[in-house]
Amino acid sequence: MSINSTIKAAVVPIVPICVPHLYAGTEKEYCTFNYTMYPTDFGDNAPGVIGYSVQLHYCLPLNDSPLAKLKLLSDALFSAGFDYPQIVDVTDKKGQHYVLESGWHEVMV
């Protein structure tokens, strides 16, 4: 399963809208995600593992409580094989925005 599919499978039961990069819809609660790939675990001049630095963005209205879903999202990512995420609050006047930062590793075949 690809990293995109893995993220979506973990998130969609909790937050039904989960898309890569940018959400251009009208729903007030949604997730987006992005990641950086990096090679690691080299042998014979080739990477044995591809690492991913993942950011899952959880957005919701200012008046809603995020705590329960942040816990569910963190647990779901961890259960799907990601490192347990660190959460950064980047909320502004337009809405709440939490970034769950995590890692994931894909062993090369």
C-alpha atoms as a PDB file:
ATOM      1  CA  MET A   1       0.000   0.000   0.000  1.00  0.00           C
ATOM      2  CA  SER A   2       1.349   3.477  -0.850  1.00  0.00           C
ATOM      3  CA  ILE A   3       1.944   6.117   1.801  1.00  0.00           C
ATOM      4  CA  ASN A   4      -1.026   8.140   0.461  1.00  0.00           C
ATOM      5  CA  SER A   5      -3.337   5.136   0.783  1.00  0.00           C
ATOM      6  CA  THR A   6      -1.964   4.329   4.240  1.00  0.00           C
ATOM      7  CA  ILE A   7      -2.570   7.874   5.498  1.00  0.00           C
ATOM      8  CA  LYS A   8      -6.079   8.002   4.047  1.00  0.00           C
ATOM      9  CA  ALA A   9      -6.997   4.569   5.460  1.00  0.00           C
ATOM     10  CA  ALA A  10      -5.960   5.730   8.939  1.00  0.00           C
ATOM     11  CA  VAL A  11      -7.591   9.174   8.809  1.00  0.00           C
ATOM     12  CA  VAL A  12     -10.872   8.822   6.867  1.00  0.00           C
ATOM     13  CA  PRO A  13     -12.744   6.864   9.572  1.00  0.00           C
ATOM     14  CA  ILE A  14     -12.103   9.848  11.896  1.00  0.00           C
ATOM     15  CA  VAL A  15     -12.163  12.822   9.503  1.00  0.00           C
ATOM     16  CA  PRO A  16     -13.908  11.854   6.245  1.00  0.00           C
ATOM     17  CA  ILE A  17     -12.155  14.455   4.085  1.00  0.00           C
ATOM     18  CA  CYS A  18      -8.439  13.727   3.752  1.00  0.00           C
ATOM     19  CA  VAL A  19      -6.547  14.829   0.657  1.00  0.00           C
ATOM     20  CA  PRO A  20      -2.927  15.443  -0.277  1.00  0.00           C
ATOM     21  CA  HIS A  21      -1.625  19.009  -0.365  1.00  0.00           C
ATOM     22  CA  LEU A  22      -4.597  21.387  -0.656  1.00  0.00           C
ATOM     23  CA  TYR A  23      -8.306  21.086   0.082  1.00  0.00           C
ATOM     24  CA  ALA A  24     -10.365  23.498  -2.021  1.00  0.00           C
ATOM     25  CA  GLY A  25     -13.818  22.412  -0.855  1.00  0.00           C
ATOM     26  CA  THR A  26     -16.291  24.065   1.467  1.00  0.00           C
ATOM     27  CA  GLU A  27     -16.331  21.722   4.474  1.00  0.00           C
ATOM     28  CA  LYS A  28     -15.076  23.296   7.712  1.00  0.00           C
ATOM     29  CA  GLU A  29     -13.439  20.144   9.091  1.00  0.00           C
ATOM     30  CA  TYR A  30     -10.873  18.305   6.977  1.00  0.00           C
ATOM     31  CA  CYS A  31      -7.343  16.941   6.807  1.00  0.00           C
ATOM     32  CA  THR A  32      -4.614  17.470   4.272  1.00  0.00           C
ATOM     33  CA  PHE A  33      -1.166  15.920   4.228  1.00  0.00           C
ATOM     34  CA  ASN A  34       2.262  16.325   2.722  1.00  0.00           C
ATOM     35  CA  TYR A  35       5.593  14.598   3.183  1.00  0.00           C
ATOM     36  CA  THR A  36       9.271  14.712   2.349  1.00  0.00           C
ATOM     37  CA  MET A  37      11.023  11.540   1.159  1.00  0.00           C
ATOM     38  CA  TYR A  38      14.644  10.740   1.976  1.00  0.00           C
ATOM     39  CA  PRO A  39      16.845   7.692   1.306  1.00  0.00           C
ATOM     40  CA  THR A  40      18.474   5.849   4.212  1.00  0.00           C
ATOM     41  CA  ASP A  41      20.035   2.537   5.223  1.00  0.00           C
ATOM     42  CA  PHE A  42      22.451   2.393   2.290  1.00  0.00           C
ATOM     43  CA  GLY A  43      24.138  -0.791   1.093  1.00  0.00           C
ATOM     44  CA  ASP A  44      25.804  -1.457  -2.265  1.00  0.00           C
ATOM     45  CA  ASN A  45      25.403   2.258  -3.090  1.00  0.00           C
ATOM     46  CA  ALA A  46      21.613   2.070  -2.940  1.00  0.00           C
ATOM     47  CA  PRO A  47      19.092   2.945  -0.235  1.00  0.00           C
ATOM     48  CA  GLY A  48      17.526   0.045   1.617  1.00  0.00           C
ATOM     49  CA  VAL A  49      14.792   2.194   3.124  1.00  0.00           C
ATOM     50  CA  ILE A  50      12.901   5.288   2.053  1.00  0.00           C
ATOM     51  CA  GLY A  51      12.010   7.482   5.003  1.00  0.00           C
ATOM     52  CA  TYR A  52       9.131   9.937   5.037  1.00  0.00           C
ATOM     53  CA  SER A  53       8.718  13.028   7.195  1.00  0.00           C
ATOM     54  CA  VAL A  54       4.944  13.346   7.259  1.00  0.00           C
ATOM     55  CA  GLN A  55       2.738  16.285   8.162  1.00  0.00           C
ATOM     56  CA  LEU A  56      -0.981  15.681   8.635  1.00  0.00           C
ATOM     57  CA  HIS A  57      -2.926  18.954   8.875  1.00  0.00           C
ATOM     58  CA  TYR A  58      -6.185  18.839  10.837  1.00  0.00           C
ATOM     59  CA  CYS A  59      -8.397  21.900  10.286  1.00  0.00           C
ATOM     60  CA  LEU A  60     -11.674  22.754  11.997  1.00  0.00           C
ATOM     61  CA  PRO A  61     -13.753  25.764  13.091  1.00  0.00           C
ATOM     62  CA  LEU A  62     -12.570  27.968  15.955  1.00  0.00           C
ATOM     63  CA  ASN A  63     -15.365  26.980  18.346  1.00  0.00           C
ATOM     64  CA  ASP A  64     -15.013  23.188  18.034  1.00  0.00           C
ATOM     65  CA  SER A  65     -12.981  21.122  20.497  1.00  0.00           C
ATOM     66  CA  PRO A  66     -10.101  19.282  18.769  1.00  0.00           C
ATOM     67  CA  LEU A  67      -8.881  17.144  21.664  1.00  0.00           C
ATOM     68  CA  ALA A  68     -10.759  13.894  21.098  1.00  0.00           C
ATOM     69  CA  LYS A  69     -10.045  13.776  17.367  1.00  0.00           C
ATOM     70  CA  LEU A  70      -6.385  14.729  17.805  1.00  0.00           C
ATOM     71  CA  LYS A  71      -6.003  11.727  20.107  1.00  0.00           C
ATOM     72  CA  LEU A  72      -7.875   9.471  17.658  1.00  0.00           C
ATOM     73  CA  LEU A  73      -5.777  10.707  14.718  1.00  0.00           C
ATOM     74  CA  SER A  74      -2.528  10.203  16.654  1.00  0.00           C
ATOM     75  CA  ASP A  75      -3.508   6.679  17.672  1.00  0.00           C
ATOM     76  CA  ALA A  76      -4.690   5.819  14.136  1.00  0.00           C
ATOM     77  CA  LEU A  77      -1.418   6.949  12.559  1.00  0.00           C
ATOM     78  CA  PHE A  78       0.572   4.997  15.131  1.00  0.00           C
ATOM     79  CA  SER A  79      -1.549   1.878  14.560  1.00  0.00           C
ATOM     80  CA  ALA A  80      -0.932   2.233  10.799  1.00  0.00           C
ATOM     81  CA  GLY A  81       2.841   2.028  11.316  1.00  0.00           C
ATOM     82  CA  PHE A  82       3.803   5.680  11.686  1.00  0.00           C
ATOM     83  CA  ASP A  83       5.876   7.064  14.534  1.00  0.00           C
ATOM     84  CA  TYR A  84       3.646   8.521  17.247  1.00  0.00           C
ATOM     85  CA  PRO A  85       3.090  12.120  16.088  1.00  0.00           C
ATOM     86  CA  GLN A  86       4.134  15.378  17.628  1.00  0.00           C
ATOM     87  CA  ILE A  87       1.335  17.970  17.435  1.00  0.00           C
ATOM     88  CA  VAL A  88       1.957  21.626  16.617  1.00  0.00           C
ATOM     89  CA  ASP A  89      -0.836  24.203  16.988  1.00  0.00           C
ATOM     90  CA  VAL A  90      -0.738  26.710  14.118  1.00  0.00           C
ATOM     91  CA  THR A  91      -4.252  28.090  14.635  1.00  0.00           C
ATOM     92  CA  ASP A  92      -5.030  31.577  13.342  1.00  0.00           C
ATOM     93  CA  LYS A  93      -8.100  33.864  13.214  1.00  0.00           C
ATOM     94  CA  LYS A  94      -9.593  31.890  10.292  1.00  0.00           C
ATOM     95  CA  GLY A  95      -9.768  28.528  12.073  1.00  0.00           C
ATOM     96  CA  GLN A  96      -8.031  25.912  14.135  1.00  0.00           C
ATOM     97  CA  HIS A  97      -5.111  24.166  12.443  1.00  0.00           C
ATOM     98  CA  TYR A  98      -3.064  21.392  14.015  1.00  0.00           C
ATOM     99  CA  VAL A  99      -0.081  19.733  12.362  1.00  0.00           C
ATOM    100  CA  LEU A 100       0.619  16.135  13.355  1.00  0.00           C
ATOM    101  CA  GLU A 101       4.269  15.502  12.497  1.00  0.00           C
ATOM    102  CA  SER A 102       5.350  11.907  12.149  1.00  0.00           C
ATOM    103  CA  GLY A 103       7.673   9.534  10.340  1.00  0.00           C
ATOM    104  CA  TRP A 104       7.147   6.442   8.223  1.00  0.00           C
ATOM    105  CA  HIS A 105       9.617   4.037   6.621  1.00  0.00           C
ATOM    106  CA  GLU A 106       9.265   1.919   3.509  1.00  0.00           C
ATOM    107  CA  VAL A 107      11.702  -0.953   3.066  1.00  0.00           C
ATOM    108  CA  MET A 108      12.927  -1.242  -0.522  1.00  0.00           C
ATOM    109  CA  VAL A 109      12.452  -4.656  -2.130  1.00  0.00           C
END
